[in-house]
């Protein structure tokens, strides 16, 4: 007995009880929404605001912060102290090519100050730096 195609309420044609195209699209949208809410929750729990950063950079920053909190050295991430500025307690860690994570070292665990773009970092260097 041949099965006929029918037109679903969404306008798509097919065989079966429901439109598989719309069902898979709905699953994809639900998964993307769930991933977005998880990312927003992780960013909200970060010790510094990361809302202005691109998503990839924010994720990389969160991974770096977690590693640094678990005992990794800032030198593992090519970080450097601001000794030329006279602010040896300030540490700059590159996040990719265009962003920097700024930390403060007061002979204990690192205190995370901010994550900024390289342009803002350069402006801060030409000014007074971090106090």
Protein backbone atom coordinates (compact mmCIF):
# COMPACT_ATOMS: atom_id res chain seq x y z
CA UNK A 1 0.00 0.00 0.00
CA UNK A 2 1.70 3.25 -1.09
CA UNK A 3 2.02 6.10 1.41
CA UNK A 4 1.10 9.53 0.13
CA UNK A 5 2.89 12.73 0.90
CA UNK A 6 0.92 15.28 2.79
CA UNK A 7 1.31 18.95 3.55
CA UNK A 8 1.90 19.74 7.21
CA UNK A 9 0.58 22.84 8.98
CA UNK A 10 4.02 24.49 8.62
CA UNK A 11 3.79 24.25 4.82
CA UNK A 12 6.40 21.50 4.33
CA UNK A 13 5.55 18.29 2.46
CA UNK A 14 6.43 14.82 3.69
CA UNK A 15 5.40 11.45 4.95
CA UNK A 16 4.66 10.67 8.58
CA UNK A 17 2.83 12.18 11.53
CA UNK A 18 4.87 15.36 11.93
CA UNK A 19 7.32 17.54 10.05
CA UNK A 20 10.81 16.21 10.74
CA UNK A 21 12.45 19.33 9.31
CA UNK A 22 10.70 21.62 11.80
CA UNK A 23 11.31 19.17 14.66
CA UNK A 24 15.08 19.09 14.03
CA UNK A 25 15.15 22.88 13.71
CA UNK A 26 13.34 23.19 17.05
CA UNK A 27 15.86 20.82 18.70
CA UNK A 28 18.76 22.87 17.30
CA UNK A 29 17.25 26.13 18.59
CA UNK A 30 16.68 24.58 22.02
CA UNK A 31 20.29 23.33 22.21
CA UNK A 32 21.65 26.75 21.18
CA UNK A 33 19.50 28.51 23.79
CA UNK A 34 20.64 26.08 26.48
CA UNK A 35 24.32 26.61 25.55
CA UNK A 36 23.83 30.38 25.62
CA UNK A 37 22.26 30.34 29.09
CA UNK A 38 25.08 28.10 30.39
CA UNK A 39 27.67 30.54 28.98
CA UNK A 40 25.89 33.50 30.57
CA UNK A 41 25.85 31.71 33.93
CA UNK A 42 29.60 30.95 33.69
CA UNK A 43 30.34 34.59 32.81
CA UNK A 44 28.26 35.77 35.76
CA UNK A 45 30.34 33.63 38.14
CA UNK A 46 33.66 35.03 36.86
CA UNK A 47 35.70 37.15 39.29
CA UNK A 48 35.87 40.00 36.73
CA UNK A 49 33.29 41.26 34.23
CA UNK A 50 33.70 39.53 30.86
CA UNK A 51 30.52 40.73 29.15
CA UNK A 52 32.31 43.09 26.75
CA UNK A 53 34.62 40.39 25.38
CA UNK A 54 33.87 38.17 22.37
CA UNK A 55 32.57 34.72 23.40
CA UNK A 56 35.76 32.85 22.41
CA UNK A 57 37.98 35.27 24.32
CA UNK A 58 35.69 35.15 27.36
CA UNK A 59 35.87 31.33 27.40
CA UNK A 60 39.65 31.40 27.05
CA UNK A 61 39.86 33.95 29.88
CA UNK A 62 37.72 31.74 32.13
CA UNK A 63 40.02 28.78 31.42
CA UNK A 64 43.10 30.88 32.21
CA UNK A 65 41.58 32.15 35.46
CA UNK A 66 40.69 28.60 36.52
CA UNK A 67 44.23 27.40 35.76
CA UNK A 68 45.78 30.31 37.65
CA UNK A 69 43.51 29.69 40.64
CA UNK A 70 44.55 26.01 40.69
CA UNK A 71 48.24 26.90 40.97
CA UNK A 72 49.51 27.43 37.43
CA UNK A 73 52.13 30.13 36.99
CA UNK A 74 51.35 33.28 35.03
CA UNK A 75 54.58 32.60 33.11
CA UNK A 76 52.95 29.48 31.62
CA UNK A 77 50.69 31.90 29.72
CA UNK A 78 53.55 34.28 28.73
CA UNK A 79 52.53 36.79 31.39
CA UNK A 80 54.90 39.55 32.43
CA UNK A 81 55.28 42.00 35.27
CA UNK A 82 55.02 45.75 34.69
CA UNK A 83 58.49 46.46 36.08
CA UNK A 84 59.25 49.20 33.49
CA UNK A 85 56.21 51.09 34.75
CA UNK A 86 57.37 50.84 38.36
CA UNK A 87 54.36 48.64 39.07
CA UNK A 88 56.02 45.28 39.60
CA UNK A 89 52.95 43.94 41.42
CA UNK A 90 50.83 44.25 38.22
CA UNK A 91 50.94 41.29 35.81
CA UNK A 92 49.79 41.38 32.18
CA UNK A 93 48.82 38.07 30.54
CA UNK A 94 48.01 38.01 26.80
CA UNK A 95 44.70 36.47 25.77
CA UNK A 96 45.15 35.87 22.07
CA UNK A 97 46.53 38.76 20.06
CA UNK A 98 44.12 41.54 20.96
CA UNK A 99 43.26 41.15 24.64
CA UNK A 100 45.08 41.18 27.99
CA UNK A 101 44.22 39.85 31.44
CA UNK A 102 45.49 42.21 34.15
CA UNK A 103 46.27 40.71 37.57
CA UNK A 104 47.70 41.99 40.83
CA UNK A 105 50.21 39.97 42.86
CA UNK A 106 50.45 40.89 46.55
CA UNK A 107 52.52 37.88 47.69
CA UNK A 108 49.52 35.59 47.74
CA UNK A 109 46.97 34.35 45.24
CA UNK A 110 46.58 36.50 42.14
CA UNK A 111 43.87 39.13 42.24
CA UNK A 112 42.21 39.49 38.84
CA UNK A 113 41.63 43.15 37.99
CA UNK A 114 40.23 43.20 34.45
CA UNK A 115 40.33 41.79 30.92
CA UNK A 116 40.80 44.55 28.34
CA UNK A 117 41.55 45.03 24.67
CA UNK A 118 45.11 45.67 23.57
CA UNK A 119 44.17 49.22 22.53
CA UNK A 120 42.90 50.03 26.02
CA UNK A 121 45.98 48.31 27.46
CA UNK A 122 48.26 50.59 25.41
CA UNK A 123 46.32 53.67 26.49
CA UNK A 124 46.62 52.59 30.11
CA UNK A 125 50.39 52.07 29.67
CA UNK A 126 50.85 55.55 28.23
CA UNK A 127 48.88 56.96 31.17
CA UNK A 128 49.54 56.14 34.79
CA UNK A 129 49.00 52.40 34.52
CA UNK A 130 47.17 50.54 37.27
CA UNK A 131 47.23 51.87 40.81
